[in-house]
Amino acid sequence: MIAGYLDTLRAANRNARLVLSISVIMGFTIDGGIYAAILNLYILRLNFGPEFVGQISSAANLIFAFGSLAAGWLGSRYGDRRIMIVGLSLAT
């Protein structure tokens, strides 16, 4: 199973491998990794309940979903590369 996955990964072009690599790194750091765990612990430490932690997490996921829809529309209208550069510059 892993050998087939690695063969598929090797056959992919450079851009696909870069996107996958960046997605893995971002997944471990910002989107769902250490950031989410620390934020949840911080909110609990501020004496909010677990329900509030769930509301914050749900709101963040909804914002991400709607932002992704908007980014897809903008990318198809103005070009993917241009929108990714604008998004990256806004994020940093």
PDB file of N, CA and C in Angstrom:
ATOM      1  N   MET A   1       0.819  -1.186   0.000  1.00  0.00           N
ATOM      2  CA  MET A   1       0.000   0.000   0.000  1.00  0.00           C
ATOM      3  C   MET A   1       0.868   1.257   0.000  1.00  0.00           C
ATOM      4  N   ILE A   2       1.860   1.304   0.876  1.00  0.00           N
ATOM      5  CA  ILE A   2       2.733   2.472   0.935  1.00  0.00           C
ATOM      6  C   ILE A   2       3.596   2.553  -0.312  1.00  0.00           C
ATOM      7  N   ALA A   3       4.013   1.411  -0.841  1.00  0.00           N
ATOM      8  CA  ALA A   3       4.831   1.419  -2.057  1.00  0.00           C
ATOM      9  C   ALA A   3       4.050   2.007  -3.229  1.00  0.00           C
ATOM     10  N   GLY A   4       2.779   1.670  -3.334  1.00  0.00           N
ATOM     11  CA  GLY A   4       1.947   2.241  -4.393  1.00  0.00           C
ATOM     12  C   GLY A   4       1.778   3.741  -4.228  1.00  0.00           C
ATOM     13  N   TYR A   5       1.635   4.183  -2.986  1.00  0.00           N
ATOM     14  CA  TYR A   5       1.519   5.613  -2.722  1.00  0.00           C
ATOM     15  C   TYR A   5       2.806   6.330  -3.106  1.00  0.00           C
ATOM     16  N   LEU A   6       3.946   5.754  -2.751  1.00  0.00           N
ATOM     17  CA  LEU A   6       5.228   6.379  -3.091  1.00  0.00           C
ATOM     18  C   LEU A   6       5.457   6.410  -4.594  1.00  0.00           C
ATOM     19  N   ASP A   7       5.038   5.364  -5.299  1.00  0.00           N
ATOM     20  CA  ASP A   7       5.156   5.366  -6.765  1.00  0.00           C
ATOM     21  C   ASP A   7       4.306   6.475  -7.384  1.00  0.00           C
ATOM     22  N   THR A   8       3.103   6.640  -6.860  1.00  0.00           N
ATOM     23  CA  THR A   8       2.237   7.712  -7.354  1.00  0.00           C
ATOM     24  C   THR A   8       2.841   9.077  -7.064  1.00  0.00           C
ATOM     25  N   LEU A   9       3.422   9.224  -5.895  1.00  0.00           N
ATOM     26  CA  LEU A   9       4.047  10.493  -5.523  1.00  0.00           C
ATOM     27  C   LEU A   9       5.246  10.803  -6.412  1.00  0.00           C
ATOM     28  N   ARG A  10       6.037   9.799  -6.720  1.00  0.00           N
ATOM     29  CA  ARG A  10       7.195  10.002  -7.604  1.00  0.00           C
ATOM     30  C   ARG A  10       6.769  10.343  -9.027  1.00  0.00           C
ATOM     31  N   ALA A  11       5.633   9.819  -9.452  1.00  0.00           N
ATOM     32  CA  ALA A  11       5.154  10.071 -10.813  1.00  0.00           C
ATOM     33  C   ALA A  11       4.516  11.452 -10.955  1.00  0.00           C
ATOM     34  N   ALA A  12       4.153  12.073  -9.835  1.00  0.00           N
ATOM     35  CA  ALA A  12       3.509  13.392  -9.887  1.00  0.00           C
ATOM     36  C   ALA A  12       4.524  14.448 -10.308  1.00  0.00           C
ATOM     37  N   ASN A  13       4.020  15.520 -10.891  1.00  0.00           N
ATOM     38  CA  ASN A  13       4.934  16.583 -11.309  1.00  0.00           C
ATOM     39  C   ASN A  13       5.404  17.390 -10.100  1.00  0.00           C
ATOM     40  N   ARG A  14       6.335  18.280 -10.335  1.00  0.00           N
ATOM     41  CA  ARG A  14       6.977  19.034  -9.256  1.00  0.00           C
ATOM     42  C   ARG A  14       5.970  19.886  -8.483  1.00  0.00           C
ATOM     43  N   ASN A  15       5.072  20.547  -9.179  1.00  0.00           N
ATOM     44  CA  ASN A  15       4.098  21.407  -8.509  1.00  0.00           C
ATOM     45  C   ASN A  15       3.176  20.614  -7.585  1.00  0.00           C
ATOM     46  N   ALA A  16       2.756  19.442  -8.019  1.00  0.00           N
ATOM     47  CA  ALA A  16       1.892  18.609  -7.178  1.00  0.00           C
ATOM     48  C   ALA A  16       2.633  18.163  -5.925  1.00  0.00           C
ATOM     49  N   ARG A  17       3.901  17.814  -6.066  1.00  0.00           N
ATOM     50  CA  ARG A  17       4.689  17.421  -4.893  1.00  0.00           C
ATOM     51  C   ARG A  17       4.888  18.598  -3.945  1.00  0.00           C
ATOM     52  N   LEU A  18       5.089  19.796  -4.483  1.00  0.00           N
ATOM     53  CA  LEU A  18       5.246  20.978  -3.632  1.00  0.00           C
ATOM     54  C   LEU A  18       3.969  21.285  -2.858  1.00  0.00           C
ATOM     55  N   VAL A  19       2.831  21.218  -3.531  1.00  0.00           N
ATOM     56  CA  VAL A  19       1.555  21.480  -2.856  1.00  0.00           C
ATOM     57  C   VAL A  19       1.311  20.452  -1.764  1.00  0.00           C
ATOM     58  N   LEU A  20       1.583  19.201  -2.044  1.00  0.00           N
ATOM     59  CA  LEU A  20       1.399  18.160  -1.044  1.00  0.00           C
ATOM     60  C   LEU A  20       2.329  18.373   0.145  1.00  0.00           C
ATOM     61  N   SER A  21       3.574  18.716  -0.119  1.00  0.00           N
ATOM     62  CA  SER A  21       4.533  18.948   0.962  1.00  0.00           C
ATOM     63  C   SER A  21       4.108  20.121   1.835  1.00  0.00           C
ATOM     64  N   ILE A  22       3.697  21.205   1.205  1.00  0.00           N
ATOM     65  CA  ILE A  22       3.261  22.373   1.968  1.00  0.00           C
ATOM     66  C   ILE A  22       2.003  22.054   2.764  1.00  0.00           C
ATOM     67  N   SER A  23       1.099  21.279   2.191  1.00  0.00           N
ATOM     68  CA  SER A  23      -0.123  20.901   2.906  1.00  0.00           C
ATOM     69  C   SER A  23       0.193  20.071   4.140  1.00  0.00           C
ATOM     70  N   VAL A  24       1.146  19.168   4.018  1.00  0.00           N
ATOM     71  CA  VAL A  24       1.532  18.346   5.166  1.00  0.00           C
ATOM     72  C   VAL A  24       2.138  19.219   6.256  1.00  0.00           C
ATOM     73  N   ILE A  25       3.035  20.113   5.873  1.00  0.00           N
ATOM     74  CA  ILE A  25       3.672  20.987   6.859  1.00  0.00           C
ATOM     75  C   ILE A  25       2.641  21.886   7.530  1.00  0.00           C
ATOM     76  N   MET A  26       1.760  22.479   6.753  1.00  0.00           N
ATOM     77  CA  MET A  26       0.736  23.355   7.317  1.00  0.00           C
ATOM     78  C   MET A  26      -0.239  22.575   8.196  1.00  0.00           C
ATOM     79  N   GLY A  27      -0.546  21.355   7.823  1.00  0.00           N
ATOM     80  CA  GLY A  27      -1.452  20.542   8.620  1.00  0.00           C
ATOM     81  C   GLY A  27      -0.902  20.233   9.996  1.00  0.00           C
ATOM     82  N   PHE A  28       0.406  20.042  10.082  1.00  0.00           N
ATOM     83  CA  PHE A  28       1.014  19.757  11.375  1.00  0.00           C
ATOM     84  C   PHE A  28       1.225  21.008  12.211  1.00  0.00           C
ATOM     85  N   THR A  29       1.278  22.160  11.589  1.00  0.00           N
ATOM     86  CA  THR A  29       1.603  23.360  12.347  1.00  0.00           C
ATOM     87  C   THR A  29       0.400  24.259  12.566  1.00  0.00           C
ATOM     88  N   ILE A  30      -0.201  24.757  11.519  1.00  0.00           N
ATOM     89  CA  ILE A  30      -1.206  25.807  11.673  1.00  0.00           C
ATOM     90  C   ILE A  30      -2.616  25.243  11.725  1.00  0.00           C
ATOM     91  N   ASP A  31      -3.032  24.513  10.706  1.00  0.00           N
ATOM     92  CA  ASP A  31      -4.441  24.151  10.556  1.00  0.00           C
ATOM     93  C   ASP A  31      -4.976  23.235  11.645  1.00  0.00           C
ATOM     94  N   GLY A  32      -4.317  22.155  11.914  1.00  0.00           N
ATOM     95  CA  GLY A  32      -4.907  21.213  12.837  1.00  0.00           C
ATOM     96  C   GLY A  32      -3.936  20.661  13.842  1.00  0.00           C
ATOM     97  N   GLY A  33      -2.722  21.114  13.804  1.00  0.00           N
ATOM     98  CA  GLY A  33      -1.699  20.541  14.661  1.00  0.00           C
ATOM     99  C   GLY A  33      -1.559  21.256  15.985  1.00  0.00           C
ATOM    100  N   ILE A  34      -0.374  21.738  16.218  1.00  0.00           N
ATOM    101  CA  ILE A  34      -0.033  22.303  17.511  1.00  0.00           C
ATOM    102  C   ILE A  34      -0.822  23.571  17.808  1.00  0.00           C
ATOM    103  N   TYR A  35      -1.115  24.357  16.792  1.00  0.00           N
ATOM    104  CA  TYR A  35      -1.851  25.606  17.008  1.00  0.00           C
ATOM    105  C   TYR A  35      -3.227  25.336  17.598  1.00  0.00           C
ATOM    106  N   ALA A  36      -3.950  24.391  17.040  1.00  0.00           N
ATOM    107  CA  ALA A  36      -5.297  24.089  17.528  1.00  0.00           C
ATOM    108  C   ALA A  36      -5.256  23.558  18.956  1.00  0.00           C
ATOM    109  N   ALA A  37      -4.286  22.716  19.256  1.00  0.00           N
ATOM    110  CA  ALA A  37      -4.188  22.163  20.608  1.00  0.00           C
ATOM    111  C   ALA A  37      -3.863  23.252  21.624  1.00  0.00           C
ATOM    112  N   ILE A  38      -2.923  24.121  21.289  1.00  0.00           N
ATOM    113  CA  ILE A  38      -2.550  25.187  22.219  1.00  0.00           C
ATOM    114  C   ILE A  38      -3.691  26.183  22.384  1.00  0.00           C
ATOM    115  N   LEU A  39      -4.373  26.517  21.302  1.00  0.00           N
ATOM    116  CA  LEU A  39      -5.502  27.440  21.402  1.00  0.00           C
ATOM    117  C   LEU A  39      -6.596  26.869  22.295  1.00  0.00           C
ATOM    118  N   ASN A  40      -6.903  25.600  22.137  1.00  0.00           N
ATOM    119  CA  ASN A  40      -7.930  24.976  22.977  1.00  0.00           C
ATOM    120  C   ASN A  40      -7.526  24.984  24.444  1.00  0.00           C
ATOM    121  N   LEU A  41      -6.279  24.667  24.724  1.00  0.00           N
ATOM    122  CA  LEU A  41      -5.811  24.688  26.111  1.00  0.00           C
ATOM    123  C   LEU A  41      -5.818  26.103  26.674  1.00  0.00           C
ATOM    124  N   TYR A  42      -5.465  27.065  25.856  1.00  0.00           N
ATOM    125  CA  TYR A  42      -5.472  28.461  26.295  1.00  0.00           C
ATOM    126  C   TYR A  42      -6.886  28.931  26.630  1.00  0.00           C
ATOM    127  N   ILE A  43      -7.846  28.583  25.797  1.00  0.00           N
ATOM    128  CA  ILE A  43      -9.235  28.978  26.058  1.00  0.00           C
ATOM    129  C   ILE A  43      -9.750  28.316  27.330  1.00  0.00           C
ATOM    130  N   LEU A  44      -9.407  27.062  27.531  1.00  0.00           N
ATOM    131  CA  LEU A  44      -9.809  26.387  28.765  1.00  0.00           C
ATOM    132  C   LEU A  44      -9.149  27.030  29.979  1.00  0.00           C
ATOM    133  N   ARG A  45      -7.911  27.466  29.819  1.00  0.00           N
ATOM    134  CA  ARG A  45      -7.180  28.109  30.911  1.00  0.00           C
ATOM    135  C   ARG A  45      -7.796  29.459  31.292  1.00  0.00           C
ATOM    136  N   LEU A  46      -8.483  30.082  30.344  1.00  0.00           N
ATOM    137  CA  LEU A  46      -9.173  31.345  30.616  1.00  0.00           C
ATOM    138  C   LEU A  46     -10.527  31.125  31.290  1.00  0.00           C
ATOM    139  N   ASN A  47     -10.773  29.907  31.761  1.00  0.00           N
ATOM    140  CA  ASN A  47     -11.989  29.514  32.488  1.00  0.00           C
ATOM    141  C   ASN A  47     -13.245  29.499  31.622  1.00  0.00           C
ATOM    142  N   PHE A  48     -13.076  29.274  30.323  1.00  0.00           N
ATOM    143  CA  PHE A  48     -14.225  29.018  29.469  1.00  0.00           C
ATOM    144  C   PHE A  48     -14.455  27.517  29.448  1.00  0.00           C
ATOM    145  N   GLY A  49     -15.670  27.114  29.180  1.00  0.00           N
ATOM    146  CA  GLY A  49     -16.012  25.700  29.180  1.00  0.00           C
ATOM    147  C   GLY A  49     -15.693  25.020  27.863  1.00  0.00           C
ATOM    148  N   PRO A  50     -15.803  23.698  27.852  1.00  0.00           N
ATOM    149  CA  PRO A  50     -15.539  22.951  26.623  1.00  0.00           C
ATOM    150  C   PRO A  50     -16.532  23.277  25.504  1.00  0.00           C
ATOM    151  N   GLU A  51     -17.730  23.729  25.869  1.00  0.00           N
ATOM    152  CA  GLU A  51     -18.700  24.113  24.840  1.00  0.00           C
ATOM    153  C   GLU A  51     -18.190  25.308  24.044  1.00  0.00           C
ATOM    154  N   PHE A  52     -17.583  26.267  24.757  1.00  0.00           N
ATOM    155  CA  PHE A  52     -17.053  27.454  24.093  1.00  0.00           C
ATOM    156  C   PHE A  52     -15.886  27.090  23.185  1.00  0.00           C
ATOM    157  N   VAL A  53     -15.065  26.149  23.620  1.00  0.00           N
ATOM    158  CA  VAL A  53     -13.959  25.676  22.776  1.00  0.00           C
ATOM    159  C   VAL A  53     -14.516  25.080  21.490  1.00  0.00           C
ATOM    160  N   GLY A  54     -15.590  24.314  21.596  1.00  0.00           N
ATOM    161  CA  GLY A  54     -16.230  23.747  20.411  1.00  0.00           C
ATOM    162  C   GLY A  54     -16.814  24.805  19.502  1.00  0.00           C
ATOM    163  N   GLN A  55     -17.394  25.847  20.084  1.00  0.00           N
ATOM    164  CA  GLN A  55     -17.950  26.932  19.275  1.00  0.00           C
ATOM    165  C   GLN A  55     -16.852  27.676  18.521  1.00  0.00           C
ATOM    166  N   ILE A  56     -15.742  27.926  19.191  1.00  0.00           N
ATOM    167  CA  ILE A  56     -14.621  28.614  18.541  1.00  0.00           C
ATOM    168  C   ILE A  56     -14.063  27.756  17.407  1.00  0.00           C
ATOM    169  N   SER A  57     -13.898  26.464  17.662  1.00  0.00           N
ATOM    170  CA  SER A  57     -13.376  25.566  16.622  1.00  0.00           C
ATOM    171  C   SER A  57     -14.334  25.481  15.439  1.00  0.00           C
ATOM    172  N   SER A  58     -15.624  25.413  15.722  1.00  0.00           N
ATOM    173  CA  SER A  58     -16.610  25.357  14.639  1.00  0.00           C
ATOM    174  C   SER A  58     -16.618  26.641  13.828  1.00  0.00           C
ATOM    175  N   ALA A  59     -16.537  27.776  14.515  1.00  0.00           N
ATOM    176  CA  ALA A  59     -16.515  29.058  13.806  1.00  0.00           C
ATOM    177  C   ALA A  59     -15.281  29.160  12.916  1.00  0.00           C
ATOM    178  N   ALA A  60     -14.142  28.718  13.421  1.00  0.00           N
ATOM    179  CA  ALA A  60     -12.918  28.765  12.617  1.00  0.00           C
ATOM    180  C   ALA A  60     -13.045  27.887  11.376  1.00  0.00           C
ATOM    181  N   ASN A  61     -13.638  26.714  11.525  1.00  0.00           N
ATOM    182  CA  ASN A  61     -13.812  25.828  10.372  1.00  0.00           C
ATOM    183  C   ASN A  61     -14.803  26.394   9.359  1.00  0.00           C
ATOM    184  N   LEU A  62     -15.862  27.032   9.836  1.00  0.00           N
ATOM    185  CA  LEU A  62     -16.824  27.655   8.918  1.00  0.00           C
ATOM    186  C   LEU A  62     -16.191  28.821   8.159  1.00  0.00           C
ATOM    187  N   ILE A  63     -15.410  29.630   8.860  1.00  0.00           N
ATOM    188  CA  ILE A  63     -14.720  30.740   8.199  1.00  0.00           C
ATOM    189  C   ILE A  63     -13.762  30.206   7.145  1.00  0.00           C
ATOM    190  N   PHE A  64     -13.053  29.134   7.476  1.00  0.00           N
ATOM    191  CA  PHE A  64     -12.135  28.521   6.514  1.00  0.00           C
ATOM    192  C   PHE A  64     -12.894  28.010   5.289  1.00  0.00           C
ATOM    193  N   ALA A  65     -14.051  27.397   5.517  1.00  0.00           N
ATOM    194  CA  ALA A  65     -14.837  26.857   4.401  1.00  0.00           C
ATOM    195  C   ALA A  65     -15.324  27.968   3.479  1.00  0.00           C
ATOM    196  N   PHE A  66     -15.883  29.025   4.043  1.00  0.00           N
ATOM    197  CA  PHE A  66     -16.367  30.128   3.210  1.00  0.00           C
ATOM    198  C   PHE A  66     -15.219  30.866   2.537  1.00  0.00           C
ATOM    199  N   GLY A  67     -14.099  30.994   3.247  1.00  0.00           N
ATOM    200  CA  GLY A  67     -12.923  31.613   2.635  1.00  0.00           C
ATOM    201  C   GLY A  67     -12.388  30.794   1.480  1.00  0.00           C
ATOM    202  N   SER A  68     -12.462  29.477   1.597  1.00  0.00           N
ATOM    203  CA  SER A  68     -12.014  28.608   0.508  1.00  0.00           C
ATOM    204  C   SER A  68     -12.908  28.752  -0.716  1.00  0.00           C
ATOM    205  N   LEU A  69     -14.208  28.871  -0.491  1.00  0.00           N
ATOM    206  CA  LEU A  69     -15.121  29.087  -1.616  1.00  0.00           C
ATOM    207  C   LEU A  69     -14.819  30.410  -2.315  1.00  0.00           C
ATOM    208  N   ALA A  70     -14.596  31.452  -1.527  1.00  0.00           N
ATOM    209  CA  ALA A  70     -14.283  32.758  -2.112  1.00  0.00           C
ATOM    210  C   ALA A  70     -12.947  32.718  -2.849  1.00  0.00           C
ATOM    211  N   ALA A  71     -11.962  32.041  -2.268  1.00  0.00           N
ATOM    212  CA  ALA A  71     -10.653  31.949  -2.920  1.00  0.00           C
ATOM    213  C   ALA A  71     -10.744  31.163  -4.223  1.00  0.00           C
ATOM    214  N   GLY A  72     -11.556  30.126  -4.262  1.00  0.00           N
ATOM    215  CA  GLY A  72     -11.742  29.369  -5.498  1.00  0.00           C
ATOM    216  C   GLY A  72     -12.381  30.202  -6.587  1.00  0.00           C
ATOM    217  N   TRP A  73     -13.387  30.981  -6.210  1.00  0.00           N
ATOM    218  CA  TRP A  73     -14.039  31.854  -7.183  1.00  0.00           C
ATOM    219  C   TRP A  73     -13.073  32.919  -7.691  1.00  0.00           C
ATOM    220  N   LEU A  74     -12.333  33.543  -6.765  1.00  0.00           N
ATOM    221  CA  LEU A  74     -11.362  34.561  -7.177  1.00  0.00           C
ATOM    222  C   LEU A  74     -10.260  33.959  -8.039  1.00  0.00           C
ATOM    223  N   GLY A  75      -9.837  32.738  -7.699  1.00  0.00           N
ATOM    224  CA  GLY A  75      -8.800  32.078  -8.482  1.00  0.00           C
ATOM    225  C   GLY A  75      -9.240  31.782  -9.898  1.00  0.00           C
ATOM    226  N   SER A  76     -10.483  31.370 -10.056  1.00  0.00           N
ATOM    227  CA  SER A  76     -10.961  31.095 -11.414  1.00  0.00           C
ATOM    228  C   SER A  76     -11.186  32.381 -12.201  1.00  0.00           C
ATOM    229  N   ARG A  77     -11.440  33.472 -11.513  1.00  0.00           N
ATOM    230  CA  ARG A  77     -11.685  34.744 -12.191  1.00  0.00           C
ATOM    231  C   ARG A  77     -10.392  35.487 -12.533  1.00  0.00           C
ATOM    232  N   TYR A  78      -9.449  35.531 -11.582  1.00  0.00           N
ATOM    233  CA  TYR A  78      -8.235  36.330 -11.763  1.00  0.00           C
ATOM    234  C   TYR A  78      -6.960  35.510 -11.944  1.00  0.00           C
ATOM    235  N   GLY A  79      -7.057  34.205 -11.820  1.00  0.00           N
ATOM    236  CA  GLY A  79      -5.888  33.349 -11.970  1.00  0.00           C
ATOM    237  C   GLY A  79      -5.422  32.822 -10.621  1.00  0.00           C
ATOM    238  N   ASP A  80      -5.175  31.526 -10.589  1.00  0.00           N
ATOM    239  CA  ASP A  80      -4.806  30.874  -9.332  1.00  0.00           C
ATOM    240  C   ASP A  80      -3.515  31.432  -8.745  1.00  0.00           C
ATOM    241  N   ARG A  81      -2.529  31.589  -9.587  1.00  0.00           N
ATOM    242  CA  ARG A  81      -1.220  32.035  -9.100  1.00  0.00           C
ATOM    243  C   ARG A  81      -1.307  33.419  -8.457  1.00  0.00           C
ATOM    244  N   ARG A  82      -1.997  34.328  -9.097  1.00  0.00           N
ATOM    245  CA  ARG A  82      -2.122  35.686  -8.573  1.00  0.00           C
ATOM    246  C   ARG A  82      -2.835  35.684  -7.218  1.00  0.00           C
ATOM    247  N   ILE A  83      -3.890  34.906  -7.087  1.00  0.00           N
ATOM    248  CA  ILE A  83      -4.646  34.868  -5.835  1.00  0.00           C
ATOM    249  C   ILE A  83      -3.830  34.206  -4.730  1.00  0.00           C
ATOM    250  N   MET A  84      -3.047  33.175  -5.063  1.00  0.00           N
ATOM    251  CA  MET A  84      -2.201  32.553  -4.045  1.00  0.00           C
ATOM    252  C   MET A  84      -1.134  33.521  -3.547  1.00  0.00           C
ATOM    253  N   ILE A  85      -0.575  34.315  -4.439  1.00  0.00           N
ATOM    254  CA  ILE A  85       0.431  35.300  -4.031  1.00  0.00           C
ATOM    255  C   ILE A  85      -0.200  36.359  -3.136  1.00  0.00           C
ATOM    256  N   VAL A  86      -1.383  36.832  -3.491  1.00  0.00           N
ATOM    257  CA  VAL A  86      -2.075  37.821  -2.660  1.00  0.00           C
ATOM    258  C   VAL A  86      -2.410  37.223  -1.293  1.00  0.00           C
ATOM    259  N   GLY A  87      -2.910  36.003  -1.274  1.00  0.00           N
ATOM    260  CA  GLY A  87      -3.242  35.354  -0.009  1.00  0.00           C
ATOM    261  C   GLY A  87      -2.034  35.138   0.873  1.00  0.00           C
ATOM    262  N   LEU A  88      -0.931  34.741   0.277  1.00  0.00           N
ATOM    263  CA  LEU A  88       0.293  34.541   1.049  1.00  0.00           C
ATOM    264  C   LEU A  88       0.806  35.859   1.601  1.00  0.00           C
ATOM    265  N   SER A  89       0.721  36.913   0.810  1.00  0.00           N
ATOM    266  CA  SER A  89       1.189  38.212   1.303  1.00  0.00           C
ATOM    267  C   SER A  89       0.289  38.740   2.418  1.00  0.00           C
ATOM    268  N   LEU A  90      -1.000  38.451   2.372  1.00  0.00           N
ATOM    269  CA  LEU A  90      -1.893  38.863   3.451  1.00  0.00           C
ATOM    270  C   LEU A  90      -1.674  38.044   4.721  1.00  0.00           C
ATOM    271  N   ALA A  91      -1.269  36.791   4.565  1.00  0.00           N
ATOM    272  CA  ALA A  91      -1.088  35.914   5.717  1.00  0.00           C
ATOM    273  C   ALA A  91       0.217  36.174   6.459  1.00  0.00           C
ATOM    274  N   THR A  92       1.166  36.799   5.798  1.00  0.00           N
ATOM    275  CA  THR A  92       2.459  37.018   6.464  1.00  0.00           C
ATOM    276  C   THR A  92       2.686  38.443   6.847  1.00  0.00           C
TER     277      THR A  92
END
